[in-house]
């Protein structure tokens, strides 16, 4: 992985942690998620006129990704409703790279090297330390269950989109069409079931969805592009340095407490990143 790709993925990690903090910091997680999903589609829409149409071989992957993302949104909303950002976010994002690496062996025939496995293991260990060190209460079993289920979903759509972008002929074309189409089913469902609540939320927070959607679209666009330039498992692991940003955001802005063991988890993730770069 080149230095340019590495820094791009680290930027994507910061952007991803930022929009997730926006969701957790909202008074209505579902409405905020819907606004961000719709906002991402709106932000991506103008780019349809400047990117090439993805190759036919990639369209089944776009369809599969849209379906998988519906499960992702459902699990994410319920995870944030039942647990702290600094609990569920590390679990969702930190377990996923290990699962992605295993899936990548079978689906993409990408066998990680020794340093890559070390980096993935350290990052996974670090995020577990970050996740299971709440100070004031025992972690909610429901929150843990939703987060772990979503880790499997994240690993699945990472492999799907990594493959689809490589088949598309142009990664940016794949990304733009994915975000535009992905916004439709979830937004339609919210409008059909909670129209007044959604319109009221958007009216009261007119820029929140666009800003969050822009952050979301940019974060994942960079990650998918990076997966066409480097092994998927390596990109997925480096992307999950977002747990560091999420943990610090949760502690600083959302007043979620940290302790010495969580800081040890931060160190493990950083060392894991160094191992990935050594690979």
Protein backbone atom coordinates (compact mmCIF):
# COMPACT_ATOMS: atom_id res chain seq x y z
CA UNK A 1 0.00 0.00 0.00
CA UNK A 2 1.50 3.34 -1.05
CA UNK A 3 1.84 6.29 1.31
CA UNK A 4 -0.81 8.21 -0.64
CA UNK A 5 -3.35 5.41 -0.28
CA UNK A 6 -2.49 5.02 3.41
CA UNK A 7 -3.10 8.69 4.18
CA UNK A 8 -6.29 8.66 2.12
CA UNK A 9 -7.67 5.74 4.15
CA UNK A 10 -6.73 7.47 7.42
CA UNK A 11 -8.69 10.51 6.25
CA UNK A 12 -11.62 8.23 5.46
CA UNK A 13 -11.38 6.86 9.01
CA UNK A 14 -11.65 10.34 10.51
CA UNK A 15 -14.62 11.20 8.29
CA UNK A 16 -16.37 7.95 9.19
CA UNK A 17 -15.94 8.46 12.92
CA UNK A 18 -17.27 12.01 12.57
CA UNK A 19 -20.58 11.10 10.93
CA UNK A 20 -21.11 8.21 13.32
CA UNK A 21 -20.63 10.62 16.22
CA UNK A 22 -23.28 12.85 14.62
CA UNK A 23 -25.72 9.93 14.67
CA UNK A 24 -24.98 8.95 18.27
CA UNK A 25 -25.15 12.57 19.42
CA UNK A 26 -28.63 13.04 17.94
CA UNK A 27 -31.83 12.85 19.94
CA UNK A 28 -33.38 10.56 17.29
CA UNK A 29 -30.92 8.01 15.91
CA UNK A 30 -33.29 6.66 13.24
CA UNK A 31 -34.21 10.07 11.84
CA UNK A 32 -30.60 11.20 11.87
CA UNK A 33 -29.49 8.04 10.07
CA UNK A 34 -32.22 8.48 7.45
CA UNK A 35 -31.25 12.12 6.91
CA UNK A 36 -27.59 11.18 6.43
CA UNK A 37 -28.41 8.32 4.04
CA UNK A 38 -30.64 10.63 1.98
CA UNK A 39 -28.03 13.37 2.19
CA UNK A 40 -25.33 11.05 0.85
CA UNK A 41 -27.51 10.27 -2.15
CA UNK A 42 -28.18 13.95 -2.78
CA UNK A 43 -24.49 14.83 -2.51
CA UNK A 44 -23.57 12.02 -4.93
CA UNK A 45 -26.35 12.79 -7.45
CA UNK A 46 -24.60 15.60 -9.42
CA UNK A 47 -21.57 13.36 -9.96
CA UNK A 48 -23.67 10.99 -12.09
CA UNK A 49 -23.10 13.42 -14.94
CA UNK A 50 -19.30 13.34 -14.71
CA UNK A 51 -18.46 9.69 -13.95
CA UNK A 52 -18.65 6.82 -16.44
CA UNK A 53 -21.36 4.20 -16.21
CA UNK A 54 -20.05 1.14 -14.34
CA UNK A 55 -19.37 -1.96 -16.43
CA UNK A 56 -22.27 -4.47 -16.60
CA UNK A 57 -20.34 -7.01 -14.51
CA UNK A 58 -20.41 -4.68 -11.50
CA UNK A 59 -24.18 -4.04 -11.36
CA UNK A 60 -25.06 -7.26 -9.48
CA UNK A 61 -22.61 -6.12 -6.82
CA UNK A 62 -24.25 -2.70 -6.59
CA UNK A 63 -27.62 -4.41 -6.09
CA UNK A 64 -26.21 -6.77 -3.47
CA UNK A 65 -24.50 -3.90 -1.66
CA UNK A 66 -27.73 -1.87 -1.48
CA UNK A 67 -29.54 -4.85 0.07
CA UNK A 68 -26.72 -5.51 2.55
CA UNK A 69 -26.61 -1.85 3.55
CA UNK A 70 -30.27 -2.02 4.60
CA UNK A 71 -29.26 -4.61 7.19
CA UNK A 72 -26.32 -2.39 8.16
CA UNK A 73 -28.57 0.62 8.84
CA UNK A 74 -31.03 -1.45 10.87
CA UNK A 75 -28.31 -2.95 13.05
CA UNK A 76 -26.46 0.34 13.43
CA UNK A 77 -29.55 2.22 14.58
CA UNK A 78 -30.36 -0.42 17.18
CA UNK A 79 -26.75 -0.65 18.35
CA UNK A 80 -26.60 3.11 18.97
CA UNK A 81 -29.98 3.05 20.69
CA UNK A 82 -28.80 0.47 23.22
CA UNK A 83 -25.10 1.25 23.76
CA UNK A 84 -22.44 3.96 23.98
CA UNK A 85 -20.59 5.12 20.89
CA UNK A 86 -17.32 4.01 22.50
CA UNK A 87 -18.79 0.50 23.04
CA UNK A 88 -20.66 -0.36 19.86
CA UNK A 89 -18.54 1.57 17.36
CA UNK A 90 -15.28 -0.27 18.20
CA UNK A 91 -17.09 -3.60 18.09
CA UNK A 92 -18.75 -2.93 14.73
CA UNK A 93 -15.67 -1.50 13.09
CA UNK A 94 -12.97 -3.50 14.84
CA UNK A 95 -14.19 -7.07 14.43
CA UNK A 96 -15.00 -6.49 10.76
CA UNK A 97 -11.36 -6.44 9.49
CA UNK A 98 -10.67 -9.92 10.85
CA UNK A 99 -13.82 -11.24 9.18
CA UNK A 100 -12.94 -9.36 6.00
CA UNK A 101 -9.49 -10.93 5.90
CA UNK A 102 -10.97 -14.42 6.22
CA UNK A 103 -13.61 -13.74 3.54
CA UNK A 104 -10.95 -12.22 1.31
CA UNK A 105 -8.98 -15.47 1.34
CA UNK A 106 -11.92 -17.43 -0.05
CA UNK A 107 -13.58 -14.80 -2.26
CA UNK A 108 -10.66 -12.76 -3.60
CA UNK A 109 -7.82 -15.26 -3.10
CA UNK A 110 -5.94 -12.56 -1.14
CA UNK A 111 -3.83 -14.29 1.48
CA UNK A 112 -2.51 -11.75 4.00
CA UNK A 113 1.17 -11.89 4.90
CA UNK A 114 2.60 -12.27 8.38
CA UNK A 115 2.78 -8.56 9.21
CA UNK A 116 -0.72 -8.02 7.87
CA UNK A 117 -2.10 -10.74 10.15
CA UNK A 118 -0.20 -9.24 13.09
CA UNK A 119 -1.63 -5.81 12.31
CA UNK A 120 -5.17 -7.14 12.01
CA UNK A 121 -4.82 -9.10 15.26
CA UNK A 122 -3.46 -6.08 17.16
CA UNK A 123 -6.21 -3.82 15.85
CA UNK A 124 -8.87 -6.38 16.78
CA UNK A 125 -7.38 -6.83 20.27
CA UNK A 126 -7.19 -3.08 20.70
CA UNK A 127 -10.79 -2.46 19.77
CA UNK A 128 -11.96 -5.20 22.10
CA UNK A 129 -10.09 -3.42 24.89
CA UNK A 130 -11.75 -0.18 23.85
CA UNK A 131 -15.19 -1.77 23.65
CA UNK A 132 -15.35 -3.74 26.88
CA UNK A 133 -13.98 -1.15 29.28
CA UNK A 134 -17.07 0.90 30.16
CA UNK A 135 -16.62 2.56 33.53
CA UNK A 136 -20.08 3.14 34.91
CA UNK A 137 -22.07 0.08 33.87
CA UNK A 138 -22.00 -3.42 32.41
CA UNK A 139 -22.21 -3.37 28.58
CA UNK A 140 -25.70 -4.08 27.25
CA UNK A 141 -25.95 -7.62 25.80
CA UNK A 142 -28.32 -6.26 23.15
CA UNK A 143 -25.85 -3.56 22.13
CA UNK A 144 -23.04 -6.13 21.90
CA UNK A 145 -25.25 -8.46 19.83
CA UNK A 146 -26.28 -5.74 17.39
CA UNK A 147 -22.68 -4.55 17.06
CA UNK A 148 -21.23 -8.01 16.41
CA UNK A 149 -23.94 -8.81 13.87
CA UNK A 150 -23.16 -5.56 12.12
CA UNK A 151 -19.46 -6.45 12.05
CA UNK A 152 -20.36 -9.46 9.90
CA UNK A 153 -22.51 -7.24 7.68
CA UNK A 154 -19.67 -4.71 7.31
CA UNK A 155 -17.23 -7.46 6.32
CA UNK A 156 -19.71 -8.74 3.74
CA UNK A 157 -20.38 -5.42 2.03
CA UNK A 158 -16.66 -4.60 2.11
CA UNK A 159 -15.88 -7.72 0.07
CA UNK A 160 -18.86 -7.09 -2.23
CA UNK A 161 -17.93 -3.47 -2.93
CA UNK A 162 -14.22 -4.22 -3.24
CA UNK A 163 -15.05 -6.78 -5.91
CA UNK A 164 -17.67 -4.62 -7.63
CA UNK A 165 -15.41 -1.58 -7.84
CA UNK A 166 -12.66 -3.66 -9.44
CA UNK A 167 -15.10 -4.98 -12.04
CA UNK A 168 -16.64 -1.57 -12.73
CA UNK A 169 -13.79 -0.30 -14.86
CA UNK A 170 -13.88 2.97 -12.91
CA UNK A 171 -14.10 2.94 -9.12
CA UNK A 172 -15.64 6.40 -8.90
CA UNK A 173 -18.46 5.45 -11.27
CA UNK A 174 -19.26 2.46 -9.08
CA UNK A 175 -19.16 4.58 -5.91
CA UNK A 176 -21.42 7.36 -7.20
CA UNK A 177 -24.07 5.02 -8.58
CA UNK A 178 -23.96 2.98 -5.37
CA UNK A 179 -24.65 6.00 -3.14
CA UNK A 180 -27.45 7.36 -5.32
CA UNK A 181 -29.25 4.01 -5.53
CA UNK A 182 -28.53 3.12 -1.89
CA UNK A 183 -30.34 6.24 -0.66
CA UNK A 184 -33.64 5.29 -2.30
CA UNK A 185 -35.03 2.22 -0.43
CA UNK A 186 -34.18 3.36 3.11
CA UNK A 187 -35.48 6.89 2.51
CA UNK A 188 -38.69 5.57 0.91
CA UNK A 189 -39.25 3.24 3.88
CA UNK A 190 -38.81 6.06 6.39
CA UNK A 191 -41.15 8.32 4.43
CA UNK A 192 -43.75 5.54 4.26
CA UNK A 193 -43.62 4.72 7.97
CA UNK A 194 -42.59 7.99 9.70
CA UNK A 195 -43.16 10.75 7.18
CA UNK A 196 -44.12 13.50 9.64
CA UNK A 197 -41.25 12.74 12.01
CA UNK A 198 -38.74 12.64 9.16
CA UNK A 199 -39.91 15.83 7.47
CA UNK A 200 -39.99 17.56 10.85
CA UNK A 201 -36.44 16.43 11.62
CA UNK A 202 -35.12 17.57 8.25
CA UNK A 203 -36.92 20.91 8.55
CA UNK A 204 -35.45 21.51 12.00
CA UNK A 205 -31.97 20.34 10.92
CA UNK A 206 -31.73 21.34 7.24
CA UNK A 207 -27.95 20.95 6.92
CA UNK A 208 -27.38 18.00 9.21
CA UNK A 209 -28.26 15.36 6.63
CA UNK A 210 -26.23 17.00 3.87
CA UNK A 211 -23.15 17.45 6.07
CA UNK A 212 -23.37 13.96 7.53
CA UNK A 213 -24.18 12.51 4.12
CA UNK A 214 -21.20 14.28 2.60
CA UNK A 215 -18.91 12.90 5.31
CA UNK A 216 -20.37 9.41 4.88
CA UNK A 217 -20.09 9.45 1.10
CA UNK A 218 -16.53 10.80 1.15
CA UNK A 219 -15.38 8.29 3.77
CA UNK A 220 -16.69 5.24 1.95
CA UNK A 221 -15.78 6.55 -1.50
CA UNK A 222 -12.15 6.84 -0.45
CA UNK A 223 -12.20 3.37 1.08
CA UNK A 224 -13.71 1.70 -2.00
CA UNK A 225 -11.24 3.50 -4.26
CA UNK A 226 -8.39 2.33 -2.01
CA UNK A 227 -9.59 -1.27 -2.33
CA UNK A 228 -8.88 -1.06 -6.06
CA UNK A 229 -5.30 -0.02 -5.27
CA UNK A 230 -4.41 -2.33 -2.38
CA UNK A 231 -5.55 -5.64 -0.79
CA UNK A 232 -9.06 -5.38 0.64
CA UNK A 233 -8.13 -6.78 4.06
CA UNK A 234 -5.33 -4.24 4.47
CA UNK A 235 -7.58 -1.32 3.53
CA UNK A 236 -10.37 -2.59 5.78
CA UNK A 237 -8.00 -2.85 8.74
CA UNK A 238 -6.42 0.57 8.24
CA UNK A 239 -9.87 2.11 7.80
CA UNK A 240 -10.81 0.91 11.25
CA UNK A 241 -8.36 3.30 12.84
CA UNK A 242 -11.60 5.26 12.92
CA UNK A 243 -12.13 3.60 16.32
CA UNK A 244 -9.42 5.86 17.69
CA UNK A 245 -11.18 8.95 16.42
CA UNK A 246 -14.56 7.66 17.60
CA UNK A 247 -13.22 6.89 21.07
CA UNK A 248 -11.69 10.35 21.41
CA UNK A 249 -14.83 12.01 20.03
CA UNK A 250 -16.98 10.00 22.43
CA UNK A 251 -14.78 11.01 25.37
CA UNK A 252 -14.39 14.66 24.41
CA UNK A 253 -17.76 15.64 22.96
CA UNK A 254 -20.21 13.03 24.25
CA UNK A 255 -18.63 12.77 27.74
CA UNK A 256 -18.12 9.00 27.54
CA UNK A 257 -15.46 7.97 30.03
CA UNK A 258 -12.11 6.32 29.29
CA UNK A 259 -9.74 4.47 31.59
CA UNK A 260 -6.22 3.04 31.46
CA UNK A 261 -7.28 -0.20 29.75
CA UNK A 262 -9.02 1.69 26.98
CA UNK A 263 -5.89 3.74 26.42
CA UNK A 264 -3.98 0.46 26.19
CA UNK A 265 -6.42 -0.49 23.46
CA UNK A 266 -5.56 2.73 21.64
CA UNK A 267 -1.88 1.82 21.77
CA UNK A 268 -2.60 -1.68 20.41
CA UNK A 269 -4.49 -0.21 17.46
CA UNK A 270 -1.65 2.21 16.70
CA UNK A 271 0.93 -0.59 16.81
CA UNK A 272 -1.34 -2.64 14.57
CA UNK A 273 -1.39 0.20 12.04
CA UNK A 274 2.42 0.28 12.11
CA UNK A 275 2.49 -3.46 11.44
CA UNK A 276 0.18 -3.00 8.46
CA UNK A 277 2.44 -0.31 7.05
CA UNK A 278 5.44 -2.61 7.57
CA UNK A 279 3.60 -5.22 5.51
